Amino acid sequence: MGKLFADRLLRVWALLVAVTLLSSQIGGAGGVARIGSAALVSLVVLAIAFGKCAMVMFTFMDLRSAPLALRAIACVWLVVALAVLLAIYFGIAV
């Protein structure tokens, strides 16, 4: 079993599956009752989703070995997309 998880891609995939299950438990039908407010649940699920996006981009899309400018653009895109979604969710004018 140790050799099975020696491959980095398989480890990242397993982590993505685990985090997906975690976010479904947090944001599921009983998520608000377990954690607290709906805003907190939404923030946690969004943070998990954008963490998963970063893992996919840097692992499976090979941004880890891409030029610095492309990595910077990808990171800025993630931050801007998250900021826009949060602004829309909390009703802040963009």
N, C-alpha and C. Protein backbone atom coordinates (compact mmCIF):
# COMPACT_ATOMS: atom_id res chain seq x y z
N MET A 1 0.83 -1.20 0.00
CA MET A 1 0.00 0.00 0.00
C MET A 1 0.87 1.25 0.00
N GLY A 2 2.06 1.15 0.59
CA GLY A 2 2.95 2.30 0.64
C GLY A 2 3.41 2.72 -0.74
N LYS A 3 3.66 1.75 -1.61
CA LYS A 3 4.09 2.07 -2.97
C LYS A 3 2.97 2.66 -3.79
N LEU A 4 1.74 2.35 -3.43
CA LEU A 4 0.60 2.87 -4.16
C LEU A 4 0.54 4.39 -4.06
N PHE A 5 0.81 4.93 -2.90
CA PHE A 5 0.74 6.37 -2.69
C PHE A 5 2.08 7.05 -2.86
N ALA A 6 3.04 6.38 -3.49
CA ALA A 6 4.34 6.99 -3.77
C ALA A 6 4.23 8.00 -4.90
N ASP A 7 3.27 7.81 -5.79
CA ASP A 7 3.07 8.72 -6.91
C ASP A 7 2.39 10.00 -6.42
N ARG A 8 2.97 11.15 -6.73
CA ARG A 8 2.44 12.43 -6.27
C ARG A 8 1.06 12.70 -6.84
N LEU A 9 0.82 12.34 -8.10
CA LEU A 9 -0.49 12.57 -8.70
C LEU A 9 -1.58 11.79 -7.98
N LEU A 10 -1.28 10.58 -7.60
CA LEU A 10 -2.27 9.77 -6.89
C LEU A 10 -2.54 10.34 -5.49
N ARG A 11 -1.49 10.83 -4.84
CA ARG A 11 -1.68 11.45 -3.51
C ARG A 11 -2.56 12.69 -3.62
N VAL A 12 -2.30 13.52 -4.62
CA VAL A 12 -3.11 14.74 -4.79
C VAL A 12 -4.54 14.37 -5.13
N TRP A 13 -4.72 13.37 -5.98
CA TRP A 13 -6.07 12.93 -6.33
C TRP A 13 -6.82 12.43 -5.09
N ALA A 14 -6.15 11.64 -4.26
CA ALA A 14 -6.78 11.13 -3.04
C ALA A 14 -7.13 12.29 -2.10
N LEU A 15 -6.25 13.27 -2.01
CA LEU A 15 -6.53 14.44 -1.18
C LEU A 15 -7.73 15.22 -1.73
N LEU A 16 -7.81 15.37 -3.04
CA LEU A 16 -8.94 16.06 -3.64
C LEU A 16 -10.26 15.34 -3.35
N VAL A 17 -10.24 14.02 -3.42
CA VAL A 17 -11.45 13.24 -3.12
C VAL A 17 -11.83 13.43 -1.65
N ALA A 18 -10.85 13.36 -0.76
CA ALA A 18 -11.12 13.53 0.67
C ALA A 18 -11.67 14.92 0.98
N VAL A 19 -11.09 15.93 0.38
CA VAL A 19 -11.54 17.30 0.62
C VAL A 19 -12.93 17.52 0.02
N THR A 20 -13.23 16.87 -1.09
CA THR A 20 -14.58 16.95 -1.67
C THR A 20 -15.60 16.35 -0.72
N LEU A 21 -15.28 15.21 -0.15
CA LEU A 21 -16.19 14.59 0.82
C LEU A 21 -16.35 15.47 2.06
N LEU A 22 -15.27 16.09 2.50
CA LEU A 22 -15.34 16.99 3.65
C LEU A 22 -16.23 18.19 3.35
N SER A 23 -16.06 18.80 2.18
CA SER A 23 -16.88 19.96 1.86
C SER A 23 -18.35 19.59 1.67
N SER A 24 -18.62 18.38 1.19
CA SER A 24 -20.01 17.97 1.07
C SER A 24 -20.65 17.74 2.44
N GLN A 25 -19.85 17.30 3.40
CA GLN A 25 -20.36 17.15 4.76
C GLN A 25 -20.58 18.50 5.42
N ILE A 26 -19.68 19.43 5.18
CA ILE A 26 -19.80 20.76 5.78
C ILE A 26 -20.97 21.52 5.17
N GLY A 27 -21.07 21.50 3.84
CA GLY A 27 -22.09 22.29 3.17
C GLY A 27 -23.36 21.55 2.86
N GLY A 28 -23.48 20.32 3.34
CA GLY A 28 -24.68 19.53 3.08
C GLY A 28 -25.89 20.07 3.82
N ALA A 29 -26.95 19.30 3.82
CA ALA A 29 -28.21 19.75 4.42
C ALA A 29 -28.05 20.08 5.91
N GLY A 30 -27.21 19.35 6.61
CA GLY A 30 -27.04 19.62 8.04
C GLY A 30 -25.84 20.48 8.36
N GLY A 31 -25.19 21.03 7.35
CA GLY A 31 -23.97 21.79 7.57
C GLY A 31 -24.16 23.03 8.41
N VAL A 32 -25.24 23.76 8.20
CA VAL A 32 -25.47 24.99 8.94
C VAL A 32 -25.68 24.68 10.42
N ALA A 33 -26.38 23.60 10.71
CA ALA A 33 -26.65 23.26 12.11
C ALA A 33 -25.38 22.83 12.84
N ARG A 34 -24.47 22.18 12.11
CA ARG A 34 -23.25 21.69 12.77
C ARG A 34 -22.22 22.78 12.99
N ILE A 35 -22.08 23.70 12.06
CA ILE A 35 -21.00 24.69 12.16
C ILE A 35 -21.49 26.00 12.73
N GLY A 36 -22.63 26.45 12.32
CA GLY A 36 -23.12 27.73 12.79
C GLY A 36 -23.84 28.46 11.69
N SER A 37 -23.38 29.66 11.40
CA SER A 37 -24.09 30.50 10.44
C SER A 37 -23.88 30.04 9.00
N ALA A 38 -24.82 30.41 8.16
CA ALA A 38 -24.72 30.06 6.74
C ALA A 38 -23.55 30.76 6.08
N ALA A 39 -23.25 31.98 6.52
CA ALA A 39 -22.12 32.71 5.94
C ALA A 39 -20.80 32.00 6.22
N LEU A 40 -20.65 31.48 7.42
CA LEU A 40 -19.42 30.75 7.76
C LEU A 40 -19.29 29.48 6.94
N VAL A 41 -20.39 28.78 6.78
CA VAL A 41 -20.38 27.56 5.96
C VAL A 41 -20.01 27.90 4.52
N SER A 42 -20.58 28.96 3.99
CA SER A 42 -20.27 29.37 2.62
C SER A 42 -18.81 29.74 2.47
N LEU A 43 -18.27 30.47 3.43
CA LEU A 43 -16.86 30.84 3.37
C LEU A 43 -15.95 29.62 3.39
N VAL A 44 -16.26 28.67 4.25
CA VAL A 44 -15.43 27.47 4.35
C VAL A 44 -15.49 26.66 3.07
N VAL A 45 -16.69 26.48 2.52
CA VAL A 45 -16.84 25.69 1.29
C VAL A 45 -16.16 26.40 0.12
N LEU A 46 -16.26 27.73 0.04
CA LEU A 46 -15.57 28.47 -1.02
C LEU A 46 -14.05 28.36 -0.87
N ALA A 47 -13.55 28.45 0.34
CA ALA A 47 -12.11 28.32 0.56
C ALA A 47 -11.62 26.93 0.15
N ILE A 48 -12.39 25.91 0.49
CA ILE A 48 -12.04 24.55 0.08
C ILE A 48 -12.06 24.43 -1.44
N ALA A 49 -13.07 25.00 -2.08
CA ALA A 49 -13.19 24.92 -3.54
C ALA A 49 -12.00 25.60 -4.22
N PHE A 50 -11.60 26.76 -3.75
CA PHE A 50 -10.49 27.44 -4.38
C PHE A 50 -9.16 26.78 -4.05
N GLY A 51 -9.06 26.15 -2.90
CA GLY A 51 -7.87 25.33 -2.62
C GLY A 51 -7.78 24.16 -3.57
N LYS A 52 -8.92 23.54 -3.85
CA LYS A 52 -8.94 22.44 -4.82
C LYS A 52 -8.58 22.93 -6.21
N CYS A 53 -9.06 24.11 -6.58
CA CYS A 53 -8.69 24.68 -7.89
C CYS A 53 -7.19 24.87 -7.99
N ALA A 54 -6.60 25.39 -6.94
CA ALA A 54 -5.14 25.60 -6.95
C ALA A 54 -4.41 24.27 -7.06
N MET A 55 -4.88 23.25 -6.35
CA MET A 55 -4.23 21.93 -6.44
C MET A 55 -4.32 21.37 -7.85
N VAL A 56 -5.48 21.50 -8.48
CA VAL A 56 -5.65 20.99 -9.85
C VAL A 56 -4.76 21.77 -10.81
N MET A 57 -4.76 23.08 -10.68
CA MET A 57 -3.98 23.90 -11.59
C MET A 57 -2.48 23.61 -11.48
N PHE A 58 -1.98 23.51 -10.27
CA PHE A 58 -0.54 23.35 -10.09
C PHE A 58 -0.08 21.90 -10.24
N THR A 59 -0.98 20.94 -10.08
CA THR A 59 -0.57 19.54 -10.18
C THR A 59 -0.91 18.95 -11.53
N PHE A 60 -2.19 19.00 -11.91
CA PHE A 60 -2.63 18.32 -13.11
C PHE A 60 -2.49 19.17 -14.37
N MET A 61 -2.42 20.48 -14.23
CA MET A 61 -2.23 21.35 -15.39
C MET A 61 -0.77 21.79 -15.52
N ASP A 62 0.09 21.26 -14.68
CA ASP A 62 1.54 21.49 -14.72
C ASP A 62 1.94 22.95 -14.60
N LEU A 63 1.22 23.72 -13.83
CA LEU A 63 1.64 25.10 -13.58
C LEU A 63 2.84 25.14 -12.64
N ARG A 64 3.10 24.07 -11.94
CA ARG A 64 4.24 24.01 -11.03
C ARG A 64 5.54 24.25 -11.79
N SER A 65 5.61 23.76 -13.02
CA SER A 65 6.82 23.91 -13.82
C SER A 65 6.68 24.97 -14.91
N ALA A 66 5.62 25.75 -14.87
CA ALA A 66 5.38 26.79 -15.87
C ALA A 66 6.24 28.02 -15.55
N PRO A 67 6.38 28.91 -16.52
CA PRO A 67 7.11 30.15 -16.26
C PRO A 67 6.45 30.96 -15.14
N LEU A 68 7.26 31.76 -14.48
CA LEU A 68 6.78 32.54 -13.34
C LEU A 68 5.60 33.44 -13.70
N ALA A 69 5.62 34.05 -14.87
CA ALA A 69 4.54 34.95 -15.26
C ALA A 69 3.21 34.20 -15.36
N LEU A 70 3.23 33.00 -15.90
CA LEU A 70 2.00 32.21 -16.02
C LEU A 70 1.49 31.78 -14.65
N ARG A 71 2.40 31.39 -13.77
CA ARG A 71 1.99 31.03 -12.39
C ARG A 71 1.39 32.23 -11.68
N ALA A 72 2.00 33.41 -11.87
CA ALA A 72 1.48 34.62 -11.23
C ALA A 72 0.10 34.97 -11.76
N ILE A 73 -0.10 34.86 -13.07
CA ILE A 73 -1.42 35.13 -13.65
C ILE A 73 -2.46 34.17 -13.10
N ALA A 74 -2.11 32.90 -12.96
CA ALA A 74 -3.06 31.91 -12.43
C ALA A 74 -3.42 32.23 -10.99
N CYS A 75 -2.43 32.61 -10.20
CA CYS A 75 -2.70 32.95 -8.79
C CYS A 75 -3.56 34.20 -8.68
N VAL A 76 -3.26 35.20 -9.50
CA VAL A 76 -4.06 36.43 -9.49
C VAL A 76 -5.49 36.11 -9.91
N TRP A 77 -5.66 35.25 -10.92
CA TRP A 77 -7.00 34.88 -11.35
C TRP A 77 -7.78 34.21 -10.21
N LEU A 78 -7.12 33.33 -9.48
CA LEU A 78 -7.79 32.67 -8.36
C LEU A 78 -8.23 33.69 -7.31
N VAL A 79 -7.35 34.60 -6.96
CA VAL A 79 -7.67 35.59 -5.94
C VAL A 79 -8.80 36.51 -6.40
N VAL A 80 -8.74 36.97 -7.65
CA VAL A 80 -9.78 37.86 -8.16
C VAL A 80 -11.12 37.14 -8.25
N ALA A 81 -11.12 35.90 -8.71
CA ALA A 81 -12.37 35.15 -8.80
C ALA A 81 -12.98 34.93 -7.42
N LEU A 82 -12.16 34.61 -6.44
CA LEU A 82 -12.66 34.43 -5.08
C LEU A 82 -13.19 35.75 -4.53
N ALA A 83 -12.48 36.84 -4.76
CA ALA A 83 -12.92 38.15 -4.27
C ALA A 83 -14.26 38.55 -4.90
N VAL A 84 -14.42 38.31 -6.19
CA VAL A 84 -15.68 38.65 -6.87
C VAL A 84 -16.82 37.81 -6.31
N LEU A 85 -16.59 36.51 -6.13
CA LEU A 85 -17.64 35.65 -5.57
C LEU A 85 -18.02 36.08 -4.15
N LEU A 86 -17.04 36.42 -3.35
CA LEU A 86 -17.34 36.88 -1.99
C LEU A 86 -18.08 38.21 -2.01
N ALA A 87 -17.69 39.10 -2.91
CA ALA A 87 -18.39 40.39 -3.02
C ALA A 87 -19.84 40.20 -3.45
N ILE A 88 -20.06 39.30 -4.38
CA ILE A 88 -21.43 39.01 -4.80
C ILE A 88 -22.22 38.38 -3.66
N TYR A 89 -21.59 37.46 -2.95
CA TYR A 89 -22.30 36.77 -1.86
C TYR A 89 -22.69 37.75 -0.75
N PHE A 90 -21.76 38.62 -0.39
CA PHE A 90 -22.05 39.53 0.71
C PHE A 90 -22.70 40.84 0.26
N GLY A 91 -23.00 40.97 -1.04
CA GLY A 91 -23.74 42.10 -1.54
C GLY A 91 -22.91 43.37 -1.63
N ILE A 92 -21.63 43.25 -1.76
CA ILE A 92 -20.77 44.42 -1.88
C ILE A 92 -20.71 44.80 -3.36
N ALA A 93 -20.83 46.09 -3.63
CA ALA A 93 -20.78 46.55 -5.03
C ALA A 93 -19.39 46.32 -5.60
N VAL A 94 -19.35 45.74 -6.79
CA VAL A 94 -18.06 45.48 -7.45
C VAL A 94 -17.79 46.54 -8.47
